[in-house]
Amino acid sequence: MAATSNRARAIVAAVLVALVVGVALSIPTTAYAETVPEGEPPAEATEACPAGGEHDFSATVVQQATEDVDGVRRYTCTKCGYTFDMLIPHTGHDWGPWVIDQEPTCTSEGLEHRTCNRYPDNPHTEYEVLPMLSSDGEHTWVESDRLEPTATEDGWVKWTCSVCGATYTETLPATGVVSEATPDATTTAETAETAEAPAAEPTTTEPATTQEPAATTSEPTTETEAPADPGFWSFAPTVVDVACATIDLAAVAVAAILVVPLVPVLIWVRRRREAALDAYLDDATDDDDGDDDDADGGEDE
């Protein structure tokens, strides 16, 4: 019985030792690194995991940050047990001024940042998005400058947003149409040159008469203005002309509506008057003088 009891104790002891060894082997080894600033993991954390592949870190807050004291967040690899601590900045920052990195517009958000001056060697930076300047995400365009196009050259219009100051330029294509003033002036100039050419001959043949060539050259200039008149076909009616023509047409239409129906009535009245006059003249008791009947009666001879 004693031998059996000792053997049982040995078996139980062996099992316990095996369990302890198994549990010990299953517990990952822990290697602590020094505490690093926020956002700057140690080089070991970026190396390959001894258990294979990359590290698989889980984070646990060891110490909460307060207004004046930094906190600590511990990162532990679930595969190999590698551990390091990272600071959690305290909440009592000494912020510098906001610096705009990108100005907001009517169609896009902006961005600004500020930096805590408490730890110059490990500055903490905070970013903030600036909202768009318009509620609907559209610019409010206003014409700010313009160059009118000509017959051969393009023009342009510059538009500026009255809210954010953004600009863009719109091209105005050339009209391809020469204005009436330009051909008239050209024709007048060409006609004047043509008319002045003959006037130069008397000047060379009669140098003594110095006053006559001036008078001669001035007359063709006056005469050449007549061909410049484009005539009836170039008449450009104004608003007043159109209004007067409309009033005239309306008056003619009203007169036609009122007078035309009266024409048959007037014809009928005239015929009735003529018939009554004929009956009056044919009456045997009428003397046709327009007065009362004569004593003898009958018509006038």
C-alpha atoms as a PDB file:
ATOM      1  CA  MET A   1       0.000   0.000   0.000  1.00  0.00           C
ATOM      2  CA  ALA A   2       2.823   2.369   0.807  1.00  0.00           C
ATOM      3  CA  ALA A   3       4.475   1.724  -2.553  1.00  0.00           C
ATOM      4  CA  THR A   4       1.238   2.333  -4.341  1.00  0.00           C
ATOM      5  CA  SER A   5       0.671   5.552  -2.425  1.00  0.00           C
ATOM      6  CA  ASN A   6       4.175   6.809  -3.236  1.00  0.00           C
ATOM      7  CA  ARG A   7       3.699   5.950  -6.876  1.00  0.00           C
ATOM      8  CA  ALA A   8       0.444   7.910  -6.963  1.00  0.00           C
ATOM      9  CA  ARG A   9       2.104  10.886  -5.348  1.00  0.00           C
ATOM     10  CA  ALA A  10       4.921  10.755  -7.892  1.00  0.00           C
ATOM     11  CA  ILE A  11       2.424  10.701 -10.756  1.00  0.00           C
ATOM     12  CA  VAL A  12       0.513  13.651  -9.315  1.00  0.00           C
ATOM     13  CA  ALA A  13       3.746  15.547  -8.784  1.00  0.00           C
ATOM     14  CA  ALA A  14       4.822  14.865 -12.369  1.00  0.00           C
ATOM     15  CA  VAL A  15       1.484  16.097 -13.685  1.00  0.00           C
ATOM     16  CA  LEU A  16       1.740  19.270 -11.626  1.00  0.00           C
ATOM     17  CA  VAL A  17       5.267  19.910 -12.842  1.00  0.00           C
ATOM     18  CA  ALA A  18       4.121  19.394 -16.428  1.00  0.00           C
ATOM     19  CA  LEU A  19       1.251  21.838 -15.955  1.00  0.00           C
ATOM     20  CA  VAL A  20       3.528  24.460 -14.411  1.00  0.00           C
ATOM     21  CA  VAL A  21       6.025  24.102 -17.257  1.00  0.00           C
ATOM     22  CA  GLY A  22       3.242  24.312 -19.859  1.00  0.00           C
ATOM     23  CA  VAL A  23       1.773  27.446 -18.318  1.00  0.00           C
ATOM     24  CA  ALA A  24       5.215  29.003 -18.036  1.00  0.00           C
ATOM     25  CA  LEU A  25       5.919  28.291 -21.687  1.00  0.00           C
ATOM     26  CA  SER A  26       2.564  29.699 -22.740  1.00  0.00           C
ATOM     27  CA  ILE A  27       3.159  33.030 -20.965  1.00  0.00           C
ATOM     28  CA  PRO A  28       4.953  35.426 -23.343  1.00  0.00           C
ATOM     29  CA  THR A  29       8.164  36.936 -22.166  1.00  0.00           C
ATOM     30  CA  THR A  30       7.993  40.601 -21.349  1.00  0.00           C
ATOM     31  CA  ALA A  31      10.668  43.093 -22.395  1.00  0.00           C
ATOM     32  CA  TYR A  32      10.146  46.670 -21.294  1.00  0.00           C
ATOM     33  CA  ALA A  33      11.555  49.522 -23.312  1.00  0.00           C
ATOM     34  CA  GLU A  34      11.989  53.102 -22.199  1.00  0.00           C
ATOM     35  CA  THR A  35       9.036  55.439 -22.372  1.00  0.00           C
ATOM     36  CA  VAL A  36       8.932  57.256 -25.716  1.00  0.00           C
ATOM     37  CA  PRO A  37       7.164  60.479 -26.739  1.00  0.00           C
ATOM     38  CA  GLU A  38       3.768  60.374 -28.373  1.00  0.00           C
ATOM     39  CA  GLY A  39       3.857  59.299 -32.003  1.00  0.00           C
ATOM     40  CA  GLU A  40       7.485  58.100 -31.869  1.00  0.00           C
ATOM     41  CA  PRO A  41       7.565  54.300 -31.337  1.00  0.00           C
ATOM     42  CA  PRO A  42      10.987  52.731 -30.709  1.00  0.00           C
ATOM     43  CA  ALA A  43      12.901  51.077 -33.510  1.00  0.00           C
ATOM     44  CA  GLU A  44      12.248  47.609 -32.037  1.00  0.00           C
ATOM     45  CA  ALA A  45       8.530  48.081 -32.577  1.00  0.00           C
ATOM     46  CA  THR A  46       9.045  48.340 -36.324  1.00  0.00           C
ATOM     47  CA  GLU A  47      11.250  45.254 -36.586  1.00  0.00           C
ATOM     48  CA  ALA A  48      10.010  41.743 -37.302  1.00  0.00           C
ATOM     49  CA  CYS A  49       8.303  39.930 -34.460  1.00  0.00           C
ATOM     50  CA  PRO A  50      10.329  37.001 -33.013  1.00  0.00           C
ATOM     51  CA  ALA A  51       7.153  34.929 -33.125  1.00  0.00           C
ATOM     52  CA  GLY A  52       6.914  35.511 -36.871  1.00  0.00           C
ATOM     53  CA  GLY A  53       5.545  38.286 -39.058  1.00  0.00           C
ATOM     54  CA  GLU A  54       4.929  41.745 -37.670  1.00  0.00           C
ATOM     55  CA  HIS A  55       4.142  42.762 -34.107  1.00  0.00           C
ATOM     56  CA  ASP A  56       0.474  42.775 -33.109  1.00  0.00           C
ATOM     57  CA  PHE A  57       0.229  45.468 -30.434  1.00  0.00           C
ATOM     58  CA  SER A  58      -2.627  46.039 -28.028  1.00  0.00           C
ATOM     59  CA  ALA A  59      -2.752  49.361 -26.149  1.00  0.00           C
ATOM     60  CA  THR A  60      -3.653  49.892 -22.510  1.00  0.00           C
ATOM     61  CA  VAL A  61      -3.725  53.206 -20.635  1.00  0.00           C
ATOM     62  CA  VAL A  62      -1.505  52.778 -17.586  1.00  0.00           C
ATOM     63  CA  GLN A  63      -1.801  56.335 -16.354  1.00  0.00           C
ATOM     64  CA  GLN A  64      -4.357  58.921 -17.359  1.00  0.00           C
ATOM     65  CA  ALA A  65      -3.087  62.326 -18.429  1.00  0.00           C
ATOM     66  CA  THR A  66      -4.033  65.283 -16.268  1.00  0.00           C
ATOM     67  CA  GLU A  67      -3.872  69.015 -16.861  1.00  0.00           C
ATOM     68  CA  ASP A  68      -0.237  69.179 -15.749  1.00  0.00           C
ATOM     69  CA  VAL A  69       1.052  65.570 -15.869  1.00  0.00           C
ATOM     70  CA  ASP A  70       1.500  63.387 -18.930  1.00  0.00           C
ATOM     71  CA  GLY A  71      -0.159  60.002 -18.995  1.00  0.00           C
ATOM     72  CA  VAL A  72       1.254  56.656 -20.134  1.00  0.00           C
ATOM     73  CA  ARG A  73      -0.101  54.222 -22.721  1.00  0.00           C
ATOM     74  CA  ARG A  74       1.458  50.746 -22.808  1.00  0.00           C
ATOM     75  CA  TYR A  75       1.726  48.764 -26.051  1.00  0.00           C
ATOM     76  CA  THR A  76       2.179  44.982 -25.790  1.00  0.00           C
ATOM     77  CA  CYS A  77       2.684  42.515 -28.617  1.00  0.00           C
ATOM     78  CA  THR A  78       0.185  39.704 -28.207  1.00  0.00           C
ATOM     79  CA  LYS A  79       2.506  37.268 -29.982  1.00  0.00           C
ATOM     80  CA  CYS A  80       5.925  37.769 -28.404  1.00  0.00           C
ATOM     81  CA  GLY A  81       5.173  39.946 -25.398  1.00  0.00           C
ATOM     82  CA  TYR A  82       7.368  42.891 -26.455  1.00  0.00           C
ATOM     83  CA  THR A  83       6.210  45.993 -24.575  1.00  0.00           C
ATOM     84  CA  PHE A  84       6.915  49.714 -24.671  1.00  0.00           C
ATOM     85  CA  ASP A  85       5.313  52.776 -23.112  1.00  0.00           C
ATOM     86  CA  MET A  86       4.319  55.973 -24.893  1.00  0.00           C
ATOM     87  CA  LEU A  87       3.517  59.306 -23.296  1.00  0.00           C
ATOM     88  CA  ILE A  88       0.038  60.761 -23.394  1.00  0.00           C
ATOM     89  CA  PRO A  89       0.416  64.567 -23.460  1.00  0.00           C
ATOM     90  CA  HIS A  90      -1.152  66.378 -20.552  1.00  0.00           C
ATOM     91  CA  THR A  91      -4.197  68.511 -21.165  1.00  0.00           C
ATOM     92  CA  GLY A  92      -2.753  71.780 -19.919  1.00  0.00           C
ATOM     93  CA  HIS A  93      -1.167  72.976 -23.197  1.00  0.00           C
ATOM     94  CA  ASP A  94       0.579  76.286 -23.754  1.00  0.00           C
ATOM     95  CA  TRP A  95      -0.723  76.862 -27.242  1.00  0.00           C
ATOM     96  CA  GLY A  96       0.843  79.250 -29.702  1.00  0.00           C
ATOM     97  CA  PRO A  97      -1.165  81.242 -32.286  1.00  0.00           C
ATOM     98  CA  TRP A  98      -3.141  79.557 -35.043  1.00  0.00           C
ATOM     99  CA  VAL A  99      -1.305  79.423 -38.377  1.00  0.00           C
ATOM    100  CA  ILE A 100      -3.345  79.050 -41.566  1.00  0.00           C
ATOM    101  CA  ASP A 101      -1.990  76.342 -43.846  1.00  0.00           C
ATOM    102  CA  GLN A 102      -4.702  76.655 -46.491  1.00  0.00           C
ATOM    103  CA  GLU A 103      -7.234  79.446 -46.884  1.00  0.00           C
ATOM    104  CA  PRO A 104     -10.876  78.328 -47.160  1.00  0.00           C
ATOM    105  CA  THR A 105     -12.867  79.267 -50.255  1.00  0.00           C
ATOM    106  CA  CYS A 106     -16.506  79.053 -51.287  1.00  0.00           C
ATOM    107  CA  THR A 107     -15.959  75.547 -52.654  1.00  0.00           C
ATOM    108  CA  SER A 108     -13.241  74.036 -50.414  1.00  0.00           C
ATOM    109  CA  GLU A 109     -12.363  73.863 -46.732  1.00  0.00           C
ATOM    110  CA  GLY A 110      -9.241  75.376 -45.229  1.00  0.00           C
ATOM    111  CA  LEU A 111      -6.745  74.102 -42.652  1.00  0.00           C
ATOM    112  CA  GLU A 112      -4.913  75.702 -39.726  1.00  0.00           C
ATOM    113  CA  HIS A 113      -2.683  74.459 -36.897  1.00  0.00           C
ATOM    114  CA  ARG A 114      -1.192  75.542 -33.590  1.00  0.00           C
ATOM    115  CA  THR A 115       1.729  74.187 -31.569  1.00  0.00           C
ATOM    116  CA  CYS A 116       2.122  73.711 -27.818  1.00  0.00           C
ATOM    117  CA  ASN A 117       5.124  75.589 -26.443  1.00  0.00           C
ATOM    118  CA  ARG A 118       5.403  73.586 -23.212  1.00  0.00           C
ATOM    119  CA  TYR A 119       7.870  71.050 -24.586  1.00  0.00           C
ATOM    120  CA  PRO A 120       9.998  72.550 -27.395  1.00  0.00           C
ATOM    121  CA  ASP A 121      11.914  69.299 -27.815  1.00  0.00           C
ATOM    122  CA  ASN A 122       8.699  67.347 -28.271  1.00  0.00           C
ATOM    123  CA  PRO A 123       6.173  69.822 -29.657  1.00  0.00           C
ATOM    124  CA  HIS A 124       2.550  68.846 -29.777  1.00  0.00           C
ATOM    125  CA  THR A 125       0.610  70.174 -32.806  1.00  0.00           C
ATOM    126  CA  GLU A 126      -3.142  70.451 -33.147  1.00  0.00           C
ATOM    127  CA  TYR A 127      -4.928  70.849 -36.506  1.00  0.00           C
ATOM    128  CA  GLU A 128      -8.350  72.288 -37.204  1.00  0.00           C
ATOM    129  CA  VAL A 129     -10.418  72.369 -40.397  1.00  0.00           C
ATOM    130  CA  LEU A 130     -11.778  75.748 -41.492  1.00  0.00           C
ATOM    131  CA  PRO A 131     -15.312  75.573 -42.957  1.00  0.00           C
ATOM    132  CA  MET A 132     -16.162  76.736 -46.468  1.00  0.00           C
ATOM    133  CA  LEU A 133     -17.079  80.407 -46.818  1.00  0.00           C
ATOM    134  CA  SER A 134     -20.381  79.727 -48.594  1.00  0.00           C
ATOM    135  CA  SER A 135     -23.320  77.746 -47.329  1.00  0.00           C
ATOM    136  CA  ASP A 136     -24.099  76.141 -50.705  1.00  0.00           C
ATOM    137  CA  GLY A 137     -20.538  75.530 -51.908  1.00  0.00           C
ATOM    138  CA  GLU A 138     -20.887  77.970 -54.812  1.00  0.00           C
ATOM    139  CA  HIS A 139     -19.028  81.169 -55.718  1.00  0.00           C
ATOM    140  CA  THR A 140     -20.782  84.545 -56.016  1.00  0.00           C
ATOM    141  CA  TRP A 141     -19.349  85.836 -59.283  1.00  0.00           C
ATOM    142  CA  VAL A 142     -19.229  89.568 -60.084  1.00  0.00           C
ATOM    143  CA  GLU A 143     -17.808  91.099 -63.259  1.00  0.00           C
ATOM    144  CA  SER A 144     -14.636  93.002 -62.309  1.00  0.00           C
ATOM    145  CA  ASP A 145     -13.054  93.870 -65.667  1.00  0.00           C
ATOM    146  CA  ARG A 146     -13.804  93.586 -69.384  1.00  0.00           C
ATOM    147  CA  LEU A 147     -12.187  94.007 -72.794  1.00  0.00           C
ATOM    148  CA  GLU A 148     -14.666  94.186 -75.660  1.00  0.00           C
ATOM    149  CA  PRO A 149     -13.890  92.024 -78.717  1.00  0.00           C
ATOM    150  CA  THR A 150     -13.296  93.518 -82.138  1.00  0.00           C
ATOM    151  CA  ALA A 151     -13.965  92.161 -85.605  1.00  0.00           C
ATOM    152  CA  THR A 152     -10.615  90.325 -85.633  1.00  0.00           C
ATOM    153  CA  GLU A 153      -9.475  90.024 -81.996  1.00  0.00           C
ATOM    154  CA  ASP A 154     -11.008  88.229 -79.034  1.00  0.00           C
ATOM    155  CA  GLY A 155     -12.028  90.073 -75.889  1.00  0.00           C
ATOM    156  CA  TRP A 156     -12.407  88.835 -72.329  1.00  0.00           C
ATOM    157  CA  VAL A 157     -14.392  89.241 -69.125  1.00  0.00           C
ATOM    158  CA  LYS A 158     -12.800  88.820 -65.696  1.00  0.00           C
ATOM    159  CA  TRP A 159     -15.087  87.460 -62.983  1.00  0.00           C
ATOM    160  CA  THR A 160     -14.262  87.778 -59.265  1.00  0.00           C
ATOM    161  CA  CYS A 161     -16.006  86.048 -56.343  1.00  0.00           C
ATOM    162  CA  SER A 162     -17.254  88.730 -53.967  1.00  0.00           C
ATOM    163  CA  VAL A 163     -16.958  86.332 -51.010  1.00  0.00           C
ATOM    164  CA  CYS A 164     -13.560  84.622 -51.270  1.00  0.00           C
ATOM    165  CA  GLY A 165     -11.842  86.634 -54.016  1.00  0.00           C
ATOM    166  CA  ALA A 166     -11.369  83.744 -56.447  1.00  0.00           C
ATOM    167  CA  THR A 167     -11.145  84.806 -60.111  1.00  0.00           C
ATOM    168  CA  TYR A 168     -11.486  83.366 -63.595  1.00  0.00           C
ATOM    169  CA  THR A 169     -11.421  84.853 -67.096  1.00  0.00           C
ATOM    170  CA  GLU A 170     -13.987  84.199 -69.816  1.00  0.00           C
ATOM    171  CA  THR A 171     -13.031  84.694 -73.484  1.00  0.00           C
ATOM    172  CA  LEU A 172     -15.295  86.751 -75.730  1.00  0.00           C
ATOM    173  CA  PRO A 173     -14.837  85.601 -79.368  1.00  0.00           C
ATOM    174  CA  ALA A 174     -14.190  88.110 -82.133  1.00  0.00           C
ATOM    175  CA  THR A 175     -17.384  89.392 -83.743  1.00  0.00           C
ATOM    176  CA  GLY A 176     -16.186  89.078 -87.332  1.00  0.00           C
ATOM    177  CA  VAL A 177     -18.408  92.051 -88.210  1.00  0.00           C
ATOM    178  CA  VAL A 178     -16.929  95.418 -89.171  1.00  0.00           C
ATOM    179  CA  SER A 179     -18.885  98.335 -87.719  1.00  0.00           C
ATOM    180  CA  GLU A 180     -20.559 100.846 -90.076  1.00  0.00           C
ATOM    181  CA  ALA A 181     -18.345 103.714 -88.904  1.00  0.00           C
ATOM    182  CA  THR A 182     -15.157 101.960 -90.004  1.00  0.00           C
ATOM    183  CA  PRO A 183     -16.061 101.434 -93.714  1.00  0.00           C
ATOM    184  CA  ASP A 184     -17.530 104.933 -93.926  1.00  0.00           C
ATOM    185  CA  ALA A 185     -14.338 106.491 -92.622  1.00  0.00           C
ATOM    186  CA  THR A 186     -12.220 104.324 -94.897  1.00  0.00           C
ATOM    187  CA  THR A 187     -14.352 105.130 -97.913  1.00  0.00           C
ATOM    188  CA  THR A 188     -14.214 108.824 -97.096  1.00  0.00           C
ATOM    189  CA  ALA A 189     -10.441 108.712 -96.726  1.00  0.00           C
ATOM    190  CA  GLU A 190      -9.977 106.761 -99.966  1.00  0.00           C
ATOM    191  CA  THR A 191     -12.326 109.086-101.837  1.00  0.00           C
ATOM    192  CA  ALA A 192     -10.559 112.104-100.421  1.00  0.00           C
ATOM    193  CA  GLU A 193      -7.180 110.762-101.566  1.00  0.00           C
ATOM    194  CA  THR A 194      -8.594 110.051-105.009  1.00  0.00           C
ATOM    195  CA  ALA A 195     -10.089 113.538-105.231  1.00  0.00           C
ATOM    196  CA  GLU A 196      -6.947 115.252-103.980  1.00  0.00           C
ATOM    197  CA  ALA A 197      -4.736 113.550-106.555  1.00  0.00           C
ATOM    198  CA  PRO A 198      -5.991 115.628-109.591  1.00  0.00           C
ATOM    199  CA  ALA A 199      -5.765 118.797-107.493  1.00  0.00           C
ATOM    200  CA  ALA A 200      -1.992 118.411-107.291  1.00  0.00           C
ATOM    201  CA  GLU A 201      -1.589 118.967-111.092  1.00  0.00           C
ATOM    202  CA  PRO A 202      -2.654 122.683-111.156  1.00  0.00           C
ATOM    203  CA  THR A 203      -0.255 123.318-108.292  1.00  0.00           C
ATOM    204  CA  THR A 204       2.736 122.110-110.340  1.00  0.00           C
ATOM    205  CA  THR A 205       1.684 123.849-113.594  1.00  0.00           C
ATOM    206  CA  GLU A 206       0.715 127.183-112.019  1.00  0.00           C
ATOM    207  CA  PRO A 207       3.112 127.896-109.151  1.00  0.00           C
ATOM    208  CA  ALA A 208       2.168 131.584-109.122  1.00  0.00           C
ATOM    209  CA  THR A 209      -1.396 130.956-107.903  1.00  0.00           C
ATOM    210  CA  THR A 210      -0.655 129.673-104.441  1.00  0.00           C
ATOM    211  CA  GLN A 211      -4.160 130.241-103.044  1.00  0.00           C
ATOM    212  CA  GLU A 212      -6.135 128.377-105.712  1.00  0.00           C
ATOM    213  CA  PRO A 213      -4.760 124.873-104.995  1.00  0.00           C
ATOM    214  CA  ALA A 214      -5.851 125.158-101.344  1.00  0.00           C
ATOM    215  CA  ALA A 215      -9.382 126.049-102.403  1.00  0.00           C
ATOM    216  CA  THR A 216      -9.351 123.294-105.003  1.00  0.00           C
ATOM    217  CA  THR A 217      -8.183 120.659-102.544  1.00  0.00           C
ATOM    218  CA  SER A 218     -10.812 121.640 -99.989  1.00  0.00           C
ATOM    219  CA  GLU A 219     -13.708 121.292-102.434  1.00  0.00           C
ATOM    220  CA  PRO A 220     -13.136 117.610-103.298  1.00  0.00           C
ATOM    221  CA  THR A 221     -13.060 116.822 -99.569  1.00  0.00           C
ATOM    222  CA  THR A 222     -16.572 118.257 -99.223  1.00  0.00           C
ATOM    223  CA  GLU A 223     -17.815 116.496-102.340  1.00  0.00           C
ATOM    224  CA  THR A 224     -16.451 113.127-101.245  1.00  0.00           C
ATOM    225  CA  GLU A 225     -18.634 113.165 -98.150  1.00  0.00           C
ATOM    226  CA  ALA A 226     -21.737 112.580-100.284  1.00  0.00           C
ATOM    227  CA  PRO A 227     -20.779 109.027-101.419  1.00  0.00           C
ATOM    228  CA  ALA A 228     -20.224 108.130 -97.790  1.00  0.00           C
ATOM    229  CA  ASP A 229     -23.986 108.406 -97.244  1.00  0.00           C
ATOM    230  CA  PRO A 230     -25.155 104.790 -97.200  1.00  0.00           C
ATOM    231  CA  GLY A 231     -28.601 105.819 -98.438  1.00  0.00           C
ATOM    232  CA  PHE A 232     -32.005 104.418 -97.654  1.00  0.00           C
ATOM    233  CA  TRP A 233     -30.959 100.780 -97.311  1.00  0.00           C
ATOM    234  CA  SER A 234     -28.654 101.555 -94.367  1.00  0.00           C
ATOM    235  CA  PHE A 235     -31.487 103.176 -92.373  1.00  0.00           C
ATOM    236  CA  ALA A 236     -31.376 101.930 -88.808  1.00  0.00           C
ATOM    237  CA  PRO A 237     -34.741 102.591 -87.095  1.00  0.00           C
ATOM    238  CA  THR A 238     -34.669 103.799 -83.535  1.00  0.00           C
ATOM    239  CA  VAL A 239     -37.100 103.013 -80.757  1.00  0.00           C
ATOM    240  CA  VAL A 240     -39.016 106.233 -81.517  1.00  0.00           C
ATOM    241  CA  ASP A 241     -39.361 105.247 -85.193  1.00  0.00           C
ATOM    242  CA  VAL A 242     -40.707 101.837 -84.283  1.00  0.00           C
ATOM    243  CA  ALA A 243     -43.162 103.360 -81.789  1.00  0.00           C
ATOM    244  CA  CYS A 244     -44.478 105.893 -84.325  1.00  0.00           C
ATOM    245  CA  ALA A 245     -44.899 103.213 -86.997  1.00  0.00           C
ATOM    246  CA  THR A 246     -46.790 101.033 -84.538  1.00  0.00           C
ATOM    247  CA  ILE A 247     -49.143 103.900 -83.618  1.00  0.00           C
ATOM    248  CA  ASP A 248     -49.805 104.655 -87.314  1.00  0.00           C
ATOM    249  CA  LEU A 249     -50.634 101.028 -88.050  1.00  0.00           C
ATOM    250  CA  ALA A 250     -52.942 100.898 -85.046  1.00  0.00           C
ATOM    251  CA  ALA A 251     -54.756 104.063 -86.193  1.00  0.00           C
ATOM    252  CA  VAL A 252     -55.229 102.660 -89.701  1.00  0.00           C
ATOM    253  CA  ALA A 253     -56.555  99.410 -88.267  1.00  0.00           C
ATOM    254  CA  VAL A 254     -59.039 101.230 -85.991  1.00  0.00           C
ATOM    255  CA  ALA A 255     -60.208 103.435 -88.869  1.00  0.00           C
ATOM    256  CA  ALA A 256     -60.714 100.403 -91.079  1.00  0.00           C
ATOM    257  CA  ILE A 257     -62.713  98.647 -88.386  1.00  0.00           C
ATOM    258  CA  LEU A 258     -64.985 101.656 -87.793  1.00  0.00           C
ATOM    259  CA  VAL A 259     -65.379 103.059 -91.320  1.00  0.00           C
ATOM    260  CA  VAL A 260     -65.679  99.945 -93.494  1.00  0.00           C
ATOM    261  CA  PRO A 261     -68.956  98.765 -91.877  1.00  0.00           C
ATOM    262  CA  LEU A 262     -70.477 102.246 -92.456  1.00  0.00           C
ATOM    263  CA  VAL A 263     -69.930 102.188 -96.231  1.00  0.00           C
ATOM    264  CA  PRO A 264     -72.903  99.875 -97.017  1.00  0.00           C
ATOM    265  CA  VAL A 265     -75.111 101.920 -94.677  1.00  0.00           C
ATOM    266  CA  LEU A 266     -74.202 105.169 -96.433  1.00  0.00           C
ATOM    267  CA  ILE A 267     -74.841 103.601 -99.850  1.00  0.00           C
ATOM    268  CA  TRP A 268     -78.252 102.380 -98.698  1.00  0.00           C
ATOM    269  CA  VAL A 269     -79.171 105.790 -97.255  1.00  0.00           C
ATOM    270  CA  ARG A 270     -78.141 107.512-100.503  1.00  0.00           C
ATOM    271  CA  ARG A 271     -80.225 105.119-102.611  1.00  0.00           C
ATOM    272  CA  ARG A 272     -83.256 105.639-100.343  1.00  0.00           C
ATOM    273  CA  ARG A 273     -82.867 109.390-100.598  1.00  0.00           C
ATOM    274  CA  GLU A 274     -82.654 109.212-104.391  1.00  0.00           C
ATOM    275  CA  ALA A 275     -85.736 106.967-104.547  1.00  0.00           C
ATOM    276  CA  ALA A 276     -87.712 109.356-102.316  1.00  0.00           C
ATOM    277  CA  LEU A 277     -86.644 112.297-104.477  1.00  0.00           C
ATOM    278  CA  ASP A 278     -87.709 110.502-107.674  1.00  0.00           C
ATOM    279  CA  ALA A 279     -91.107 109.671-106.139  1.00  0.00           C
ATOM    280  CA  TYR A 280     -91.514 113.258-105.095  1.00  0.00           C
ATOM    281  CA  LEU A 281     -90.751 114.559-108.588  1.00  0.00           C
ATOM    282  CA  ASP A 282     -93.110 112.081-110.253  1.00  0.00           C
ATOM    283  CA  ASP A 283     -96.055 113.170-108.091  1.00  0.00           C
ATOM    284  CA  ALA A 284     -98.719 114.854-110.348  1.00  0.00           C
ATOM    285  CA  THR A 285     -99.793 117.312-107.667  1.00  0.00           C
ATOM    286  CA  ASP A 286     -96.259 118.595-107.112  1.00  0.00           C
ATOM    287  CA  ASP A 287     -94.992 121.641-109.017  1.00  0.00           C
ATOM    288  CA  ASP A 288     -91.404 120.577-108.414  1.00  0.00           C
ATOM    289  CA  ASP A 289     -90.450 123.880-106.912  1.00  0.00           C
ATOM    290  CA  GLY A 290     -90.012 122.581-103.454  1.00  0.00           C
ATOM    291  CA  ASP A 291     -92.876 124.760-102.116  1.00  0.00           C
ATOM    292  CA  ASP A 292     -96.553 124.083-101.606  1.00  0.00           C
ATOM    293  CA  ASP A 293     -98.465 123.030-104.747  1.00  0.00           C
ATOM    294  CA  ASP A 294     -99.630 125.768-107.130  1.00  0.00           C
ATOM    295  CA  ALA A 295    -103.299 126.432-107.457  1.00  0.00           C
ATOM    296  CA  ASP A 296    -103.337 124.827-110.878  1.00  0.00           C
ATOM    297  CA  GLY A 297    -101.420 121.799-109.654  1.00  0.00           C
ATOM    298  CA  GLY A 298     -99.228 119.704-111.807  1.00  0.00           C
ATOM    299  CA  GLU A 299     -95.537 119.763-112.355  1.00  0.00           C
ATOM    300  CA  ASP A 300     -93.494 122.785-113.348  1.00  0.00           C
ATOM    301  CA  GLU A 301     -92.803 123.192-117.064  1.00  0.00           C
END
